[in-house]
Amino acid sequence: MRYLISLLSGFQNCRIVMGAKLFPAVIELTYEEGELTTFIDKLNRLEKIGALGSVEQWLKLREMRNQFAHDYPDDPEIQSALLNKAFGMAGQLLQCLDHVVCFAAKYQ
């Protein structure tokens, strides 16, 4: 059970830090102009400049995190399905992180 909690925590923390810290830093790094007032505006800009592979993929990762944070199913089958989905999406999250980091490395 400890490993599952670690997986969930790592998934949530990675996604939160990327959205709150990494994405704004990349936008600043690239000197992107224009007012980006909403998070979706930032995601769309990141996708447009090639820093983010897919806004749709990011939104799916965000939804996965929201399911962890807000859904507390009592049904073990639902919990199992949610954990299996998270395990599969963890690789996608890491690929997304790698993509953004490789993009940002071009500006150093």
Foldseek 3Di string as FASTA:
>chain_A
DVVLVVLLVVLLVLLVCCQPPVLVVLCVLVVDDDDQPDSVSSVVVCCVVQLFVDPVLSVVSVVLNVCVVPPDDPDVVVVVVSSVVSVVCVVVSVVRVVSNVVVSVVSD
